[in-house]
Amino acid sequence: MKEIIGRTAVLAFASAWLFATTGAAMVQAAPAPHNAMSTAECEVWSRERSFAQSVADHDAAAFAEHLHPGAVFIDGKGAIRGKAAIAADWTPLVKGEGMQLHWAADQVVIGGDPDVALSMGPYWMEDPRPGANPRYRSGRFISTWRRDARGTWHVLYDGGGGNQGAPASEAGIATLVASLPATCPRG
C-alpha cells in the first residue's frame, strides 16, 4: 500500500513538474494571438494600458485611481482587499523599488453583463540588481474590470496567486514587447 501511495505521489509530482515546465516554455515561446475587440472591449484595453503606465511612471495616484473600491488582488500571501490596502501593498512596485513590473492586455472579453470585463495578457518583470539571476521573468495575468455609473472602468479582481512567472531572456522579452499591438485590435 505504501509503495502504491509513494508511486502515486511521484507520478503526481512528475506530472505537475511537466505541466509547469511545459507551460513556462509556452509562455516564453509566443504571446497569445491578438483578438479583435469591440468598442467597449477596447475601452478596457486602453484602461489596462493606462493602469500599466501608472506603474511605469511611478504614479501612485494614477495607480490608485484605477482600483475599484472593493478590489481584491491575489498574491503569494493571499488576498489583499480594498483599494487602500492594495495601493499600500503595491507601493514598492509603483515606486520602482526592487522588481520592475510591466504588462499589456492582448485580449479583453465582455460577456453577458456589459459592465464586467475580463482582460488578460503577458506580464514581464526585471530584477535590476547587478548579477540578478534570472534577470527577467514572464507570465500571463488575468484581471476583472467593472464599469461604474459614470462609465469608468476599474479593476475589481487581479492576480496570479503568487505566480512569479518563468525565467526569460532579454531577447525573449524584447520579442514579446515588439509583438504587442500599439492600438487596440478592433473587430
C-alpha atoms as a PDB file:
ATOM      1  CA  MET A   1       0.000   0.000   0.000  1.00  0.00           C
ATOM      2  CA  LYS A   2       2.802   2.452   0.933  1.00  0.00           C
ATOM      3  CA  GLU A   3       4.538   1.604  -2.349  1.00  0.00           C
ATOM      4  CA  ILE A   4       1.389   2.465  -4.356  1.00  0.00           C
ATOM      5  CA  ILE A   5       0.932   5.731  -2.461  1.00  0.00           C
ATOM      6  CA  GLY A   6       4.607   6.556  -2.996  1.00  0.00           C
ATOM      7  CA  ARG A   7       4.380   5.887  -6.742  1.00  0.00           C
ATOM      8  CA  THR A   8       1.212   7.955  -6.955  1.00  0.00           C
ATOM      9  CA  ALA A   9       2.930  10.861  -5.229  1.00  0.00           C
ATOM     10  CA  VAL A  10       5.932  10.600  -7.549  1.00  0.00           C
ATOM     11  CA  LEU A  11       3.676  10.489 -10.622  1.00  0.00           C
ATOM     12  CA  ALA A  12       1.665  13.472  -9.364  1.00  0.00           C
ATOM     13  CA  PHE A  13       4.863  15.433  -8.731  1.00  0.00           C
ATOM     14  CA  ALA A  14       6.267  14.492 -12.160  1.00  0.00           C
ATOM     15  CA  SER A  15       3.006  15.480 -13.871  1.00  0.00           C
ATOM     16  CA  ALA A  16       2.911  18.813 -12.060  1.00  0.00           C
ATOM     17  CA  TRP A  17       6.564  19.464 -12.904  1.00  0.00           C
ATOM     18  CA  LEU A  18       5.997  18.579 -16.574  1.00  0.00           C
ATOM     19  CA  PHE A  19       2.944  20.838 -16.737  1.00  0.00           C
ATOM     20  CA  ALA A  20       4.775  23.703 -15.040  1.00  0.00           C
ATOM     21  CA  THR A  21       7.851  23.479 -17.249  1.00  0.00           C
ATOM     22  CA  THR A  22       5.869  22.961 -20.441  1.00  0.00           C
ATOM     23  CA  GLY A  23       3.551  25.835 -19.521  1.00  0.00           C
ATOM     24  CA  ALA A  24       6.548  28.068 -18.832  1.00  0.00           C
ATOM     25  CA  ALA A  25       8.006  27.224 -22.225  1.00  0.00           C
ATOM     26  CA  MET A  26       4.699  28.075 -23.882  1.00  0.00           C
ATOM     27  CA  VAL A  27       4.575  31.450 -22.128  1.00  0.00           C
ATOM     28  CA  GLN A  28       8.014  32.312 -23.441  1.00  0.00           C
ATOM     29  CA  ALA A  29       7.510  30.858 -26.905  1.00  0.00           C
ATOM     30  CA  ALA A  30       4.805  33.248 -28.088  1.00  0.00           C
ATOM     31  CA  PRO A  31       2.189  35.539 -26.638  1.00  0.00           C
ATOM     32  CA  ALA A  32      -1.469  34.762 -27.176  1.00  0.00           C
ATOM     33  CA  PRO A  33      -2.848  35.883 -30.544  1.00  0.00           C
ATOM     34  CA  HIS A  34      -4.321  39.369 -30.700  1.00  0.00           C
ATOM     35  CA  ASN A  35      -8.074  39.002 -30.893  1.00  0.00           C
ATOM     36  CA  ALA A  36     -10.332  41.576 -32.476  1.00  0.00           C
ATOM     37  CA  MET A  37     -12.224  43.533 -29.824  1.00  0.00           C
ATOM     38  CA  SER A  38     -15.444  45.524 -29.685  1.00  0.00           C
ATOM     39  CA  THR A  39     -15.513  49.237 -28.896  1.00  0.00           C
ATOM     40  CA  ALA A  40     -16.305  48.531 -25.224  1.00  0.00           C
ATOM     41  CA  GLU A  41     -13.556  45.909 -25.026  1.00  0.00           C
ATOM     42  CA  CYS A  42     -11.130  48.448 -26.490  1.00  0.00           C
ATOM     43  CA  GLU A  43     -12.120  50.858 -23.699  1.00  0.00           C
ATOM     44  CA  VAL A  44     -10.983  48.232 -21.178  1.00  0.00           C
ATOM     45  CA  TRP A  45      -7.845  47.525 -23.252  1.00  0.00           C
ATOM     46  CA  SER A  46      -6.980  51.238 -23.090  1.00  0.00           C
ATOM     47  CA  ARG A  47      -7.738  51.362 -19.385  1.00  0.00           C
ATOM     48  CA  GLU A  48      -5.475  48.346 -18.775  1.00  0.00           C
ATOM     49  CA  ARG A  49      -2.747  50.101 -20.740  1.00  0.00           C
ATOM     50  CA  SER A  50      -3.222  53.223 -18.605  1.00  0.00           C
ATOM     51  CA  PHE A  51      -3.075  51.094 -15.448  1.00  0.00           C
ATOM     52  CA  ALA A  52       0.251  49.565 -16.518  1.00  0.00           C
ATOM     53  CA  GLN A  53       1.553  53.015 -17.449  1.00  0.00           C
ATOM     54  CA  SER A  54       0.785  54.288 -13.946  1.00  0.00           C
ATOM     55  CA  VAL A  55       3.270  51.736 -12.602  1.00  0.00           C
ATOM     56  CA  ALA A  56       5.843  52.507 -15.317  1.00  0.00           C
ATOM     57  CA  ASP A  57       5.517  56.221 -14.473  1.00  0.00           C
ATOM     58  CA  HIS A  58       5.729  55.541 -10.696  1.00  0.00           C
ATOM     59  CA  ASP A  59       2.450  57.436 -10.296  1.00  0.00           C
ATOM     60  CA  ALA A  60       0.781  56.189  -7.104  1.00  0.00           C
ATOM     61  CA  ALA A  61      -2.274  58.466  -7.504  1.00  0.00           C
ATOM     62  CA  ALA A  62      -2.930  57.250 -11.055  1.00  0.00           C
ATOM     63  CA  PHE A  63      -2.420  53.637  -9.947  1.00  0.00           C
ATOM     64  CA  ALA A  64      -4.968  54.017  -7.125  1.00  0.00           C
ATOM     65  CA  GLU A  65      -7.449  55.721  -9.449  1.00  0.00           C
ATOM     66  CA  HIS A  66      -7.666  52.504 -11.499  1.00  0.00           C
ATOM     67  CA  LEU A  67      -8.709  50.424  -8.478  1.00  0.00           C
ATOM     68  CA  HIS A  68     -12.321  49.592  -7.665  1.00  0.00           C
ATOM     69  CA  PRO A  69     -13.116  50.498  -4.014  1.00  0.00           C
ATOM     70  CA  GLY A  70     -13.828  46.821  -3.282  1.00  0.00           C
ATOM     71  CA  ALA A  71     -10.974  45.414  -5.351  1.00  0.00           C
ATOM     72  CA  VAL A  72      -9.323  42.132  -4.387  1.00  0.00           C
ATOM     73  CA  PHE A  73      -5.799  41.284  -5.542  1.00  0.00           C
ATOM     74  CA  ILE A  74      -4.412  37.804  -5.033  1.00  0.00           C
ATOM     75  CA  ASP A  75      -0.690  37.364  -4.472  1.00  0.00           C
ATOM     76  CA  GLY A  76       1.585  34.777  -2.882  1.00  0.00           C
ATOM     77  CA  LYS A  77       0.499  35.966   0.578  1.00  0.00           C
ATOM     78  CA  GLY A  78      -3.233  35.631  -0.073  1.00  0.00           C
ATOM     79  CA  ALA A  79      -5.995  38.119  -0.816  1.00  0.00           C
ATOM     80  CA  ILE A  80      -5.448  41.839  -0.411  1.00  0.00           C
ATOM     81  CA  ARG A  81      -8.825  43.527  -0.055  1.00  0.00           C
ATOM     82  CA  GLY A  82      -9.783  47.108  -0.754  1.00  0.00           C
ATOM     83  CA  LYS A  83      -8.349  50.000  -2.710  1.00  0.00           C
ATOM     84  CA  ALA A  84      -6.298  51.451   0.165  1.00  0.00           C
ATOM     85  CA  ALA A  85      -4.761  48.111   1.155  1.00  0.00           C
ATOM     86  CA  ILE A  86      -3.842  47.280  -2.451  1.00  0.00           C
ATOM     87  CA  ALA A  87      -2.350  50.731  -3.053  1.00  0.00           C
ATOM     88  CA  ALA A  88      -0.258  50.336   0.117  1.00  0.00           C
ATOM     89  CA  ASP A  89       0.835  46.784  -0.765  1.00  0.00           C
ATOM     90  CA  TRP A  90       1.856  47.818  -4.283  1.00  0.00           C
ATOM     91  CA  THR A  91       3.803  50.912  -3.118  1.00  0.00           C
ATOM     92  CA  PRO A  92       7.270  49.348  -3.695  1.00  0.00           C
ATOM     93  CA  LEU A  93       6.338  48.199  -7.233  1.00  0.00           C
ATOM     94  CA  VAL A  94       4.744  51.523  -8.102  1.00  0.00           C
ATOM     95  CA  LYS A  95       7.801  53.379  -6.766  1.00  0.00           C
ATOM     96  CA  GLY A  96      10.041  51.125  -8.849  1.00  0.00           C
ATOM     97  CA  GLU A  97      11.769  49.616  -5.834  1.00  0.00           C
ATOM     98  CA  GLY A  98      13.022  46.109  -6.495  1.00  0.00           C
ATOM     99  CA  MET A  99      11.302  44.345  -9.365  1.00  0.00           C
ATOM    100  CA  GLN A 100      10.223  46.382 -12.375  1.00  0.00           C
ATOM    101  CA  LEU A 101       6.782  45.155 -13.466  1.00  0.00           C
ATOM    102  CA  HIS A 102       5.214  45.654 -16.907  1.00  0.00           C
ATOM    103  CA  TRP A 103       2.140  44.163 -18.549  1.00  0.00           C
ATOM    104  CA  ALA A 104      -0.198  44.564 -21.514  1.00  0.00           C
ATOM    105  CA  ALA A 105      -3.575  43.101 -22.372  1.00  0.00           C
ATOM    106  CA  ASP A 106      -3.678  41.080 -25.560  1.00  0.00           C
ATOM    107  CA  GLN A 107      -7.291  40.031 -25.058  1.00  0.00           C
ATOM    108  CA  VAL A 108     -10.350  41.596 -23.467  1.00  0.00           C
ATOM    109  CA  VAL A 109     -13.789  39.999 -23.383  1.00  0.00           C
ATOM    110  CA  ILE A 110     -17.144  41.260 -22.207  1.00  0.00           C
ATOM    111  CA  GLY A 111     -19.837  38.660 -21.642  1.00  0.00           C
ATOM    112  CA  GLY A 112     -23.497  38.892 -20.704  1.00  0.00           C
ATOM    113  CA  ASP A 113     -23.033  41.793 -18.257  1.00  0.00           C
ATOM    114  CA  PRO A 114     -21.862  44.817 -20.273  1.00  0.00           C
ATOM    115  CA  ASP A 115     -20.331  46.365 -17.151  1.00  0.00           C
ATOM    116  CA  VAL A 116     -17.931  43.481 -16.399  1.00  0.00           C
ATOM    117  CA  ALA A 117     -14.862  42.660 -18.493  1.00  0.00           C
ATOM    118  CA  LEU A 118     -12.008  40.212 -18.335  1.00  0.00           C
ATOM    119  CA  SER A 119      -8.553  41.275 -19.534  1.00  0.00           C
ATOM    120  CA  MET A 120      -5.558  39.027 -19.964  1.00  0.00           C
ATOM    121  CA  GLY A 121      -2.121  39.144 -21.461  1.00  0.00           C
ATOM    122  CA  PRO A 122       1.581  38.904 -20.830  1.00  0.00           C
ATOM    123  CA  TYR A 123       3.470  40.447 -17.970  1.00  0.00           C
ATOM    124  CA  TRP A 124       7.207  40.673 -17.573  1.00  0.00           C
ATOM    125  CA  MET A 125       9.447  41.600 -14.674  1.00  0.00           C
ATOM    126  CA  GLU A 126      13.030  42.732 -14.499  1.00  0.00           C
ATOM    127  CA  ASP A 127      15.236  42.392 -11.453  1.00  0.00           C
ATOM    128  CA  PRO A 128      17.642  45.329 -11.920  1.00  0.00           C
ATOM    129  CA  ARG A 129      20.130  44.199  -9.276  1.00  0.00           C
ATOM    130  CA  PRO A 130      23.621  43.546 -10.657  1.00  0.00           C
ATOM    131  CA  GLY A 131      24.058  39.832 -11.273  1.00  0.00           C
ATOM    132  CA  ALA A 132      20.357  39.034 -10.764  1.00  0.00           C
ATOM    133  CA  ASN A 133      19.614  35.529 -11.958  1.00  0.00           C
ATOM    134  CA  PRO A 134      17.197  35.333 -13.563  1.00  0.00           C
ATOM    135  CA  ARG A 135      17.116  38.981 -14.533  1.00  0.00           C
ATOM    136  CA  TYR A 136      13.809  38.615 -16.398  1.00  0.00           C
ATOM    137  CA  ARG A 137      10.633  36.627 -15.785  1.00  0.00           C
ATOM    138  CA  SER A 138       7.444  36.464 -17.804  1.00  0.00           C
ATOM    139  CA  GLY A 139       3.986  35.029 -17.446  1.00  0.00           C
ATOM    140  CA  ARG A 140       0.324  35.786 -18.043  1.00  0.00           C
ATOM    141  CA  PHE A 141      -2.094  37.819 -15.974  1.00  0.00           C
ATOM    142  CA  ILE A 142      -5.859  37.949 -15.777  1.00  0.00           C
ATOM    143  CA  SER A 143      -7.925  40.817 -14.375  1.00  0.00           C
ATOM    144  CA  THR A 144     -11.618  41.544 -13.970  1.00  0.00           C
ATOM    145  CA  TRP A 145     -12.869  45.072 -14.572  1.00  0.00           C
ATOM    146  CA  ARG A 146     -16.147  46.711 -13.508  1.00  0.00           C
ATOM    147  CA  ARG A 147     -17.633  49.809 -15.147  1.00  0.00           C
ATOM    148  CA  ASP A 148     -19.068  52.364 -12.716  1.00  0.00           C
ATOM    149  CA  ALA A 149     -22.174  54.556 -13.177  1.00  0.00           C
ATOM    150  CA  ARG A 150     -20.040  57.264 -14.838  1.00  0.00           C
ATOM    151  CA  GLY A 151     -18.744  54.762 -17.404  1.00  0.00           C
ATOM    152  CA  THR A 152     -15.231  54.451 -15.950  1.00  0.00           C
ATOM    153  CA  TRP A 153     -13.664  51.006 -15.762  1.00  0.00           C
ATOM    154  CA  HIS A 154     -11.928  49.965 -12.522  1.00  0.00           C
ATOM    155  CA  VAL A 155     -10.029  46.764 -11.803  1.00  0.00           C
ATOM    156  CA  LEU A 156     -12.062  44.623  -9.407  1.00  0.00           C
ATOM    157  CA  TYR A 157     -10.040  41.372  -9.284  1.00  0.00           C
ATOM    158  CA  ASP A 158      -6.419  40.830 -10.206  1.00  0.00           C
ATOM    159  CA  GLY A 159      -3.757  38.317  -9.556  1.00  0.00           C
ATOM    160  CA  GLY A 160      -1.945  35.172 -10.282  1.00  0.00           C
ATOM    161  CA  GLY A 161      -1.925  33.709  -6.796  1.00  0.00           C
ATOM    162  CA  GLY A 162       1.758  34.391  -6.336  1.00  0.00           C
ATOM    163  CA  ASN A 163       2.677  33.425  -9.898  1.00  0.00           C
ATOM    164  CA  GLN A 164       6.261  34.658 -10.236  1.00  0.00           C
ATOM    165  CA  GLY A 165       6.499  33.824 -13.923  1.00  0.00           C
ATOM    166  CA  ALA A 166       9.086  31.773 -15.727  1.00  0.00           C
ATOM    167  CA  PRO A 167      12.678  32.834 -16.324  1.00  0.00           C
ATOM    168  CA  ALA A 168      13.019  34.683 -19.620  1.00  0.00           C
ATOM    169  CA  SER A 169      15.832  36.105 -21.683  1.00  0.00           C
ATOM    170  CA  GLU A 170      16.298  39.747 -22.606  1.00  0.00           C
ATOM    171  CA  ALA A 171      15.797  38.784 -26.260  1.00  0.00           C
ATOM    172  CA  GLY A 172      12.588  36.924 -25.357  1.00  0.00           C
ATOM    173  CA  ILE A 173      11.229  39.978 -23.539  1.00  0.00           C
ATOM    174  CA  ALA A 174      12.190  42.230 -26.483  1.00  0.00           C
ATOM    175  CA  THR A 175      10.331  39.885 -28.862  1.00  0.00           C
ATOM    176  CA  LEU A 176       7.305  39.835 -26.568  1.00  0.00           C
ATOM    177  CA  VAL A 177       7.205  43.643 -26.308  1.00  0.00           C
ATOM    178  CA  ALA A 178       7.646  44.046 -30.069  1.00  0.00           C
ATOM    179  CA  SER A 179       4.688  41.701 -30.664  1.00  0.00           C
ATOM    180  CA  LEU A 180       2.250  43.852 -28.679  1.00  0.00           C
ATOM    181  CA  PRO A 181      -0.138  45.994 -30.688  1.00  0.00           C
ATOM    182  CA  ALA A 182       0.246  49.779 -30.459  1.00  0.00           C
ATOM    183  CA  THR A 183      -3.508  50.219 -30.764  1.00  0.00           C
ATOM    184  CA  CYS A 184      -6.474  48.115 -29.736  1.00  0.00           C
ATOM    185  CA  PRO A 185      -7.172  45.408 -32.337  1.00  0.00           C
ATOM    186  CA  ARG A 186     -10.759  46.299 -33.250  1.00  0.00           C
ATOM    187  CA  GLY A 187     -13.210  43.798 -34.678  1.00  0.00           C
END
